[in-house]
Every structure is written in C-alpha cells, then in structure tokens.
N, C-alpha and C. Protein backbone atom coordinates (compact mmCIF):
# COMPACT_ATOMS: atom_id res chain seq x y z
N MET A 1 114.10 -4.93 -153.92
CA MET A 1 113.32 -5.48 -154.91
C MET A 1 112.28 -4.33 -155.37
N PRO A 2 112.17 -3.94 -156.57
CA PRO A 2 111.17 -2.65 -156.94
C PRO A 2 109.83 -3.04 -157.00
N VAL A 3 109.03 -1.96 -156.23
CA VAL A 3 107.44 -2.38 -156.32
C VAL A 3 106.90 -2.12 -157.71
N PRO A 4 106.19 -3.16 -158.46
CA PRO A 4 105.51 -2.99 -159.59
C PRO A 4 104.50 -1.96 -159.47
N TYR A 5 104.40 -1.32 -160.42
CA TYR A 5 103.13 -0.35 -160.83
C TYR A 5 102.01 -0.79 -160.68
N PRO A 6 100.87 -0.25 -160.20
CA PRO A 6 99.70 -1.01 -160.38
C PRO A 6 99.12 -0.55 -161.98
N GLN A 7 98.51 -1.68 -162.37
CA GLN A 7 98.37 -1.68 -163.38
C GLN A 7 96.73 -1.13 -163.81
N THR A 8 96.38 0.24 -163.82
CA THR A 8 94.89 0.74 -163.85
C THR A 8 95.06 1.57 -165.04
N ARG A 9 94.16 1.76 -165.88
CA ARG A 9 93.44 2.73 -166.62
C ARG A 9 93.87 4.47 -166.54
N LYS A 10 93.66 4.46 -165.32
CA LYS A 10 93.97 5.92 -164.86
C LYS A 10 95.24 6.32 -164.40
N LEU A 11 96.14 5.39 -164.35
CA LEU A 11 97.56 5.65 -163.79
C LEU A 11 98.28 5.42 -165.23
N GLU A 12 97.85 4.81 -166.20
CA GLU A 12 98.42 4.77 -167.60
C GLU A 12 98.27 5.99 -168.27
N ALA A 13 97.33 6.48 -168.36
CA ALA A 13 96.94 7.92 -168.75
C ALA A 13 97.97 8.87 -168.27
N PHE A 14 98.01 8.91 -166.57
CA PHE A 14 98.99 9.85 -166.25
C PHE A 14 100.25 9.28 -166.66
N ARG A 15 100.90 8.30 -166.99
CA ARG A 15 101.80 8.04 -167.39
C ARG A 15 102.01 8.78 -168.63
N ARG A 16 101.30 8.45 -169.68
CA ARG A 16 101.10 8.68 -171.01
C ARG A 16 101.42 10.13 -170.99
N ASN A 17 100.33 11.29 -170.19
CA ASN A 17 100.94 12.52 -170.50
C ASN A 17 102.22 12.94 -169.97
N ILE A 18 102.83 12.17 -168.65
CA ILE A 18 103.91 12.82 -168.18
C ILE A 18 105.26 12.42 -169.49
N GLU A 19 104.91 11.34 -169.98
CA GLU A 19 105.78 11.08 -171.04
C GLU A 19 105.61 12.49 -171.98
N TYR A 20 104.19 12.50 -172.57
CA TYR A 20 104.43 13.57 -173.30
C TYR A 20 104.92 14.83 -173.07
N ALA A 21 105.02 14.93 -171.88
CA ALA A 21 105.64 16.48 -171.38
C ALA A 21 106.89 16.35 -171.14
N ARG A 22 107.71 15.06 -171.16
CA ARG A 22 108.97 14.94 -171.56
C ARG A 22 109.31 15.23 -173.00
N LYS A 23 108.62 14.50 -173.80
CA LYS A 23 108.84 14.58 -175.28
C LYS A 23 108.98 16.31 -175.40
N MET A 24 108.20 17.04 -174.77
CA MET A 24 108.25 18.47 -175.46
C MET A 24 109.47 19.02 -174.71
N VAL A 25 110.06 18.66 -173.72
CA VAL A 25 111.06 18.94 -173.11
C VAL A 25 112.19 18.97 -174.17
N ARG A 26 112.33 17.69 -174.10
CA ARG A 26 113.48 16.99 -175.27
C ARG A 26 113.16 18.02 -176.64
N ALA A 27 112.33 18.34 -177.13
CA ALA A 27 112.18 18.63 -178.69
C ALA A 27 112.90 20.10 -178.05
N GLY A 28 112.36 21.00 -177.35
CA GLY A 28 112.81 22.16 -176.95
C GLY A 28 114.47 22.02 -176.51
N ARG A 29 115.02 21.48 -176.02
CA ARG A 29 116.24 21.36 -175.92
C ARG A 29 117.13 20.85 -177.74
N SER A 30 116.51 20.30 -178.24
CA SER A 30 116.91 19.82 -179.66
C SER A 30 117.05 21.20 -180.47
N LEU A 31 115.99 21.56 -179.99
CA LEU A 31 115.75 23.13 -181.00
C LEU A 31 116.25 24.24 -180.64
N ALA A 32 116.65 24.04 -179.02
CA ALA A 32 117.31 25.38 -178.72
C ALA A 32 118.81 25.66 -179.41
N THR A 33 119.42 24.59 -179.97
CA THR A 33 120.68 24.72 -180.43
C THR A 33 120.76 25.88 -181.83
N PHE A 34 119.48 25.66 -182.37
CA PHE A 34 119.24 26.39 -183.59
C PHE A 34 118.85 27.99 -183.49
N GLN A 35 118.27 28.35 -182.28
CA GLN A 35 118.50 29.69 -182.09
C GLN A 35 117.23 30.36 -182.67
N SER A 36 116.25 29.76 -183.33
CA SER A 36 115.53 30.37 -184.29
C SER A 36 114.63 31.60 -183.95
N PRO A 37 114.79 32.58 -185.03
CA PRO A 37 113.76 34.11 -184.65
C PRO A 37 112.53 33.69 -184.74
N VAL A 38 111.87 32.71 -185.37
CA VAL A 38 110.41 32.35 -185.86
C VAL A 38 109.80 31.80 -184.69
N PHE A 39 110.42 30.83 -183.30
CA PHE A 39 109.74 30.72 -183.05
C PHE A 39 110.32 30.65 -181.23
N ASP A 40 109.33 30.87 -180.62
CA ASP A 40 110.08 30.76 -179.06
C ASP A 40 110.11 29.58 -178.21
N ILE A 41 111.59 29.08 -177.98
CA ILE A 41 111.77 27.67 -177.56
C ILE A 41 111.16 27.59 -176.02
N GLY A 42 111.03 28.76 -175.49
CA GLY A 42 110.46 28.82 -173.79
C GLY A 42 109.07 28.35 -173.93
N ASP A 43 108.46 28.32 -175.37
CA ASP A 43 106.78 27.98 -175.48
C ASP A 43 107.05 26.52 -175.62
N PHE A 44 107.85 25.50 -175.68
CA PHE A 44 107.93 24.11 -175.48
C PHE A 44 107.97 23.76 -174.01
N TYR A 45 108.93 24.48 -173.46
CA TYR A 45 108.65 24.42 -171.86
C TYR A 45 107.59 24.83 -170.96
N ARG A 46 106.98 25.68 -171.47
CA ARG A 46 106.07 25.91 -170.76
C ARG A 46 104.20 25.15 -171.29
N ALA A 47 104.60 24.70 -172.39
CA ALA A 47 103.87 23.32 -172.54
C ALA A 47 103.74 22.26 -172.18
N ALA A 48 105.26 21.85 -171.85
CA ALA A 48 105.85 20.71 -170.99
C ALA A 48 105.19 20.81 -169.71
N TRP A 49 105.48 22.10 -168.80
CA TRP A 49 104.41 22.17 -167.54
C TRP A 49 103.21 22.01 -167.31
N ALA A 50 102.42 22.73 -168.75
CA ALA A 50 100.83 22.47 -168.80
C ALA A 50 100.59 21.31 -168.74
N GLN A 51 100.85 20.85 -169.47
CA GLN A 51 100.65 19.13 -169.86
C GLN A 51 101.00 18.25 -168.52
N ALA A 52 102.10 18.75 -167.72
CA ALA A 52 102.42 17.44 -166.37
C ALA A 52 101.33 18.14 -165.61
N VAL A 53 101.38 19.60 -165.27
CA VAL A 53 100.39 19.67 -164.38
C VAL A 53 98.53 19.10 -164.49
N SER A 54 98.33 19.51 -165.97
CA SER A 54 97.14 18.52 -166.77
C SER A 54 97.06 17.24 -166.19
N GLY A 55 98.17 16.95 -166.47
CA GLY A 55 98.27 14.83 -166.19
C GLY A 55 97.87 14.64 -164.53
N ILE A 56 98.50 15.51 -163.70
CA ILE A 56 98.55 15.25 -162.33
C ILE A 56 97.30 15.70 -161.84
N ASP A 57 96.33 16.74 -162.57
CA ASP A 57 95.06 17.23 -161.93
C ASP A 57 94.15 15.99 -162.45
N HIS A 58 94.23 15.83 -163.95
CA HIS A 58 93.46 14.77 -164.18
C HIS A 58 93.48 13.03 -163.80
N TRP A 59 94.69 12.82 -163.00
CA TRP A 59 94.70 11.67 -161.97
C TRP A 59 94.23 11.36 -160.83
N PHE A 60 94.01 12.97 -160.68
CA PHE A 60 93.72 13.27 -159.33
C PHE A 60 91.74 13.23 -158.89
N HIS A 61 91.77 13.69 -160.17
CA HIS A 61 90.04 13.91 -160.14
C HIS A 61 89.92 12.76 -160.63
N GLU A 62 90.12 11.71 -161.50
CA GLU A 62 89.71 10.59 -161.50
C GLU A 62 89.56 9.63 -160.46
C-alpha cells in the first residue's frame, strides 16, 4: 500500500518545480530531432538541472 504524500504548500511547490524541470527535459528531447543551429538544445537540459536544484534548495529552506 503506497504512503500518501503530505499535502503541504511547501511540498506542492517542490513538486511543481520538479514537474517544470521535467517539461524542459521533454522539450529538449523533442527539439533535439530538429538539430537547429539557431539555439543550443543543451540549454534546455542545463535549465532543467538549475530548476531542479533550485526547487530542492527552496524546499529545504522552507
């Protein structure tokens, strides 16, 4: 039986931040097939890492 998540404002903010990071990774994967010279796909992955770390940091400090 899975344990339910505690429903706190802090945890919900963390989960939103992580979901946003996952969306950036998905966007990077989707755009990688185009191999555009205009923008660097790696920026999506770097932004996702930064978002995830920021989300964890914010959660810990709350």
